Structures are given as C-alpha cells and as structure tokens.
Protein backbone atom coordinates (compact mmCIF):
# COMPACT_ATOMS: atom_id res chain seq x y z
CA UNK A 1 10.40 -10.67 -33.48
CA UNK A 2 13.67 -11.72 -32.30
CA UNK A 3 13.41 -14.91 -34.26
CA UNK A 4 12.33 -12.96 -37.27
CA UNK A 5 15.47 -10.87 -36.95
CA UNK A 6 17.96 -13.79 -36.94
CA UNK A 7 16.50 -15.42 -39.98
CA UNK A 8 16.40 -12.11 -41.71
CA UNK A 9 20.01 -11.19 -40.74
CA UNK A 10 21.20 -14.50 -41.95
CA UNK A 11 19.35 -14.36 -45.49
CA UNK A 12 20.53 -10.64 -45.96
CA UNK A 13 23.87 -11.68 -45.16
CA UNK A 14 23.92 -14.29 -47.89
CA UNK A 15 22.22 -11.82 -50.34
CA UNK A 16 24.99 -9.36 -49.55
CA UNK A 17 27.53 -11.64 -49.95
CA UNK A 18 26.39 -13.02 -53.36
CA UNK A 19 24.57 -10.04 -54.97
CA UNK A 20 25.91 -6.77 -53.57
CA UNK A 21 29.38 -5.37 -54.33
CA UNK A 22 29.67 -3.21 -51.30
CA UNK A 23 28.83 -4.66 -47.69
CA UNK A 24 25.54 -3.51 -46.32
CA UNK A 25 26.30 -1.61 -43.18
CA UNK A 26 24.56 -3.09 -39.99
CA UNK A 27 22.47 0.20 -39.36
CA UNK A 28 20.89 -0.35 -42.98
CA UNK A 29 20.14 -4.00 -42.38
CA UNK A 30 18.27 -3.32 -39.12
CA UNK A 31 16.46 -0.48 -40.99
CA UNK A 32 15.27 -2.87 -43.79
CA UNK A 33 14.43 -5.42 -41.01
CA UNK A 34 11.96 -2.84 -39.35
CA UNK A 35 10.17 -1.81 -42.38
CA UNK A 36 9.49 -5.37 -43.78
CA UNK A 37 8.67 -6.66 -40.13
CA UNK A 38 6.30 -3.69 -39.79
CA UNK A 39 4.92 -4.26 -43.18
CA UNK A 40 4.31 -8.14 -42.42
CA UNK A 41 3.43 -8.15 -38.71
CA UNK A 42 -0.01 -6.52 -39.49
CA UNK A 43 -1.42 -8.86 -42.11
CA UNK A 44 0.61 -11.99 -42.09
CA UNK A 45 2.10 -14.61 -39.87
CA UNK A 46 5.74 -14.04 -39.44
CA UNK A 47 8.50 -16.72 -39.02
CA UNK A 48 8.74 -16.15 -35.47
CA UNK A 49 4.99 -16.45 -34.66
CA UNK A 50 4.99 -19.62 -36.57
CA UNK A 51 7.74 -21.22 -34.80
CA UNK A 52 6.04 -20.27 -31.45
CA UNK A 53 2.64 -21.55 -32.43
CA UNK A 54 1.32 -18.18 -32.53
CA UNK A 55 -1.79 -17.53 -34.89
CA UNK A 56 -4.21 -14.78 -35.57
CA UNK A 57 -7.83 -15.48 -34.56
CA UNK A 58 -10.60 -13.53 -35.93
CA UNK A 59 -14.02 -12.70 -33.72
CA UNK A 60 -17.09 -10.97 -34.56
CA UNK A 61 -18.15 -8.70 -31.82
CA UNK A 62 -22.32 -8.25 -31.20
CA UNK A 63 -21.66 -4.97 -33.10
CA UNK A 64 -20.67 -6.96 -36.25
CA UNK A 65 -17.18 -5.68 -36.02
CA UNK A 66 -14.24 -8.04 -36.64
CA UNK A 67 -11.65 -8.21 -34.13
CA UNK A 68 -8.26 -10.00 -34.44
CA UNK A 69 -6.59 -11.63 -31.55
CA UNK A 70 -3.24 -13.24 -31.22
CA UNK A 71 -3.63 -16.80 -29.58
CA UNK A 72 -1.02 -19.64 -28.79
CA UNK A 73 -1.96 -23.19 -30.00
CA UNK A 74 -3.45 -24.99 -27.01
CA UNK A 75 -1.40 -28.39 -27.42
CA UNK A 76 1.92 -26.01 -27.39
CA UNK A 77 0.73 -23.74 -24.46
CA UNK A 78 -0.31 -26.71 -22.55
CA UNK A 79 3.24 -28.39 -22.56
CA UNK A 80 5.82 -25.33 -23.24
CA UNK A 81 8.46 -24.19 -20.73
CA UNK A 82 11.03 -21.70 -20.30
CA UNK A 83 13.53 -24.30 -20.95
CA UNK A 84 11.79 -25.69 -24.12
CA UNK A 85 11.69 -22.19 -25.38
CA UNK A 86 15.30 -21.23 -24.47
CA UNK A 87 16.61 -24.25 -26.34
CA UNK A 88 14.56 -23.90 -29.20
CA UNK A 89 15.75 -20.16 -29.78
CA UNK A 90 19.31 -21.19 -28.93
CA UNK A 91 19.29 -23.92 -31.69
CA UNK A 92 17.75 -21.24 -34.33
CA UNK A 93 20.50 -18.74 -33.12
CA UNK A 94 23.24 -21.31 -33.60
CA UNK A 95 21.86 -22.28 -36.98
CA UNK A 96 21.30 -18.64 -38.40
CA UNK A 97 24.72 -18.02 -37.47
CA UNK A 98 25.97 -20.99 -39.03
CA UNK A 99 24.28 -20.08 -42.34
CA UNK A 100 26.36 -16.83 -42.67
CA UNK A 101 29.44 -17.30 -40.64
CA UNK A 102 31.41 -18.60 -43.63
CA UNK A 103 30.79 -15.33 -45.44
CA UNK A 104 33.14 -13.32 -43.33
CA UNK A 105 36.25 -15.27 -42.97
CA UNK A 106 37.74 -18.86 -43.45
CA UNK A 107 39.93 -21.14 -41.04
CA UNK A 108 40.82 -24.76 -41.71
CA UNK A 109 38.06 -26.32 -39.56
CA UNK A 110 39.34 -29.40 -37.44
CA UNK A 111 36.70 -32.36 -38.24
CA UNK A 112 37.68 -35.81 -36.44
CA UNK A 113 41.40 -35.45 -37.19
CA UNK A 114 40.87 -33.94 -40.77
CA UNK A 115 41.01 -30.01 -41.78
CA UNK A 116 38.07 -29.09 -44.14
CA UNK A 117 38.97 -27.07 -47.13
CA UNK A 118 36.89 -24.09 -48.09
CA UNK A 119 34.24 -25.69 -50.21
CA UNK A 120 33.96 -28.69 -47.57
CA UNK A 121 33.74 -26.05 -44.64
CA UNK A 122 30.83 -24.10 -46.53
CA UNK A 123 28.87 -27.17 -47.04
CA UNK A 124 29.55 -28.23 -43.47
CA UNK A 125 28.18 -24.79 -42.08
CA UNK A 126 25.24 -24.25 -44.41
CA UNK A 127 24.05 -28.18 -43.80
CA UNK A 128 24.44 -27.90 -39.95
CA UNK A 129 22.98 -24.46 -40.05
CA UNK A 130 19.79 -25.65 -41.68
CA UNK A 131 19.49 -28.79 -39.56
CA UNK A 132 19.98 -26.62 -36.25
CA UNK A 133 17.30 -24.19 -37.38
CA UNK A 134 15.10 -27.14 -38.29
CA UNK A 135 15.77 -28.53 -34.89
CA UNK A 136 14.98 -25.04 -33.10
CA UNK A 137 11.83 -24.84 -34.96
CA UNK A 138 10.55 -28.45 -33.82
CA UNK A 139 11.61 -27.95 -30.37
CA UNK A 140 9.46 -24.90 -30.03
CA UNK A 141 6.57 -26.69 -31.55
CA UNK A 142 7.40 -29.40 -29.12
CA UNK A 143 7.39 -32.38 -31.56
CA UNK A 144 9.30 -35.71 -31.01
CA UNK A 145 11.14 -35.39 -34.05
CA UNK A 146 12.41 -32.03 -33.00
CA UNK A 147 13.61 -33.32 -29.61
CA UNK A 148 15.50 -36.49 -31.59
CA UNK A 149 17.13 -34.02 -33.79
CA UNK A 150 18.09 -31.58 -31.43
CA UNK A 151 19.64 -34.31 -29.06
CA UNK A 152 21.54 -35.91 -32.10
CA UNK A 153 22.95 -32.54 -32.95
CA UNK A 154 24.03 -31.56 -29.72
CA UNK A 155 25.55 -34.84 -29.00
CA UNK A 156 27.39 -34.89 -32.15
CA UNK A 157 28.92 -31.27 -31.53
CA UNK A 158 29.88 -32.51 -28.14
CA UNK A 159 31.90 -35.54 -29.50
CA UNK A 160 33.44 -33.47 -32.13
CA UNK A 161 34.52 -30.93 -29.49
CA UNK A 162 36.01 -33.50 -27.28
CA UNK A 163 37.79 -35.44 -30.05
CA UNK A 164 39.20 -32.36 -31.50
CA UNK A 165 41.00 -31.34 -28.23
CA UNK A 166 43.88 -28.93 -28.83
CA UNK A 167 43.13 -28.59 -32.51
CA UNK A 168 40.02 -26.52 -30.99
CA UNK A 169 42.15 -24.36 -29.26
CA UNK A 170 44.43 -23.55 -32.33
CA UNK A 171 41.09 -23.11 -34.23
CA UNK A 172 39.69 -20.64 -31.77
CA UNK A 173 42.86 -18.42 -31.89
CA UNK A 174 43.00 -18.52 -35.69
CA UNK A 175 39.34 -17.91 -36.15
CA UNK A 176 39.61 -14.64 -33.66
CA UNK A 177 42.49 -13.40 -35.80
CA UNK A 178 40.65 -13.94 -39.24
CA UNK A 179 37.63 -12.35 -37.71
CA UNK A 180 39.57 -9.16 -36.59
CA UNK A 181 41.19 -9.09 -40.10
CA UNK A 182 37.93 -9.32 -41.90
CA UNK A 183 36.72 -6.33 -39.90
CA UNK A 184 39.86 -4.35 -40.34
CA UNK A 185 41.19 -4.62 -37.03
CA UNK A 186 44.88 -4.92 -36.29
CA UNK A 187 45.88 -8.09 -34.36
CA UNK A 188 46.23 -6.96 -30.68
CA UNK A 189 47.76 -9.28 -27.96
CA UNK A 190 45.36 -9.48 -25.16
CA UNK A 191 44.03 -12.16 -22.71
CA UNK A 192 42.26 -14.25 -25.02
CA UNK A 193 45.20 -16.65 -25.71
CA UNK A 194 45.11 -17.10 -22.06
CA UNK A 195 41.60 -18.01 -22.09
CA UNK A 196 42.13 -20.01 -25.08
CA UNK A 197 42.84 -23.53 -23.21
CA UNK A 198 39.78 -23.35 -21.84
CA UNK A 199 37.82 -22.97 -25.10
CA UNK A 200 37.00 -26.44 -25.49
CA UNK A 201 35.15 -26.49 -21.83
CA UNK A 202 33.14 -23.53 -23.13
CA UNK A 203 32.04 -25.45 -26.24
CA UNK A 204 31.23 -28.46 -23.86
CA UNK A 205 29.01 -26.19 -21.80
CA UNK A 206 27.34 -24.67 -24.86
CA UNK A 207 26.01 -27.91 -26.22
CA UNK A 208 25.85 -29.80 -22.97
CA UNK A 209 23.58 -27.41 -21.01
CA UNK A 210 20.67 -27.48 -23.60
CA UNK A 211 21.01 -31.21 -24.05
CA UNK A 212 20.56 -31.33 -20.42
CA UNK A 213 17.31 -29.33 -20.58
CA UNK A 214 16.09 -31.56 -23.34
CA UNK A 215 16.58 -34.66 -21.42
CA UNK A 216 14.95 -33.15 -18.16
CA UNK A 217 11.86 -31.77 -20.39
CA UNK A 218 11.66 -35.13 -22.48
CA UNK A 219 8.16 -35.71 -21.11
CA UNK A 220 6.73 -32.71 -22.43
CA UNK A 221 7.73 -33.85 -25.98
CA UNK A 222 5.74 -37.40 -25.41
CA UNK A 223 2.70 -35.80 -23.97
CA UNK A 224 2.22 -32.51 -26.28
CA UNK A 225 -0.58 -34.12 -28.51
CA UNK A 226 -2.39 -35.75 -25.61
CA UNK A 227 -5.35 -33.54 -24.94
CA UNK A 228 -6.07 -35.62 -21.54
CA UNK A 229 -2.99 -34.41 -20.15
CA UNK A 230 -2.79 -31.48 -17.53
CA UNK A 231 -0.30 -28.68 -17.94
CA UNK A 232 3.04 -29.81 -16.26
CA UNK A 233 4.16 -27.24 -13.69
C-alpha cells in the first residue's frame, strides 16, 4: 500500500499542478487515495503488489467454492532480502519525489558547474524521477537490468554531489528557503545553516549506502532465475 501511495501522491500532485486551480489539501489527497485503493485492491492487482511480485491465486475448495489467496512469485521470494526490498522502495520513493518536486518551488540547480534553468530543471527532475522509479521496480523484481540501472543512477548522483561541493551547500540553503516561501512560512534563522556545510556528506551517504547494499546483494540478482539455486540466507 505504501508504494501505491507514493505513486498516487506524485501523479495527483501533477494533476493538481496542471488542472486544478486551487491546491488540493493533503487530507483530501489521502482520502482520495484510500477510496481508490480500497476500490482496486479487492479485484485488481495494485502497483505495489505488482512491484513486489505478489499475485492473486484462485483455488477451488472441495465444496466447489472459489477462494483467493495472495502469493509471492517463487523466483522473487527465493532470492529477495530485506536489503533488496529497502533499496527498491528507496529508489521508488526518490523517483516519485522527483516527479513532483519541481511543482512547488524552483531554485537554479547546479549541474557539473552549470546552473539549470527552469525548463531544463523540470526535464531533469522528471527524467530522473522516471528512471529512479523504473530502477526501483526492477530491483524489487530482482532483475539484472534493475541492478545495473540502480548502480548507474546511484553512482551518477554521488559523482554529481562530489563535483558540486560548495554549490550543493548553497543550493540546499536556497532550496529550503524557497520551500518555506511556497508553504507561506516566513524565513526563520535556525540551526539549518550550521548544518548546511555537512549537507554534501548526507547526500553522499544517502546514495552510497544503497549502492553498497546493491553491491553486497549482487549474487541475488544473478541467481534469481536459476530454479536450482537454494534460497540465500
């Protein structure tokens, strides 16, 4: 359900931005999600279930009654782990945020020494949002293409953060101020600027930790489709 909520929130934010004159309140968004989710979950496969390899199996009981049972695909269940699930969900989370992030505020984004203007920034956020979502889906499904795509995206973002250096600190401060302005919050001096110099290290860790998890879990992706392989502990 959490994955469904992430995708729904991002898509609804885009609909709200382009087609709704007044911003939809978070409470209304959550209410809409619950109504749609409850309507779909009983009869259809949701986005989250599809990502996790969960499917509905129908069985006929001795009394000729049809019972439905939720099952996980055997090839996925055999090799998945808490680490692969965590990385997959994290990638989808970051991708969904990227799809909708540009709708609230704009701050010139430093990109390898260049500042992206509004149009290029929107294109960048949407493109990488989609790529991160795809990577997350394929990682949850434990496919080789998912592993390679996720490793490439995480490595790219680490390289970008390292290259940006001090520009990332400035971007973080301006981004927070723009977000506060978009929410109607008056700028307040607090401890964020003291924390800002450490922002690059937080970004390094945010992408390096899942990258390390993927490297450690590499064997699970190479063996997923081999039915002769025992479940890895």
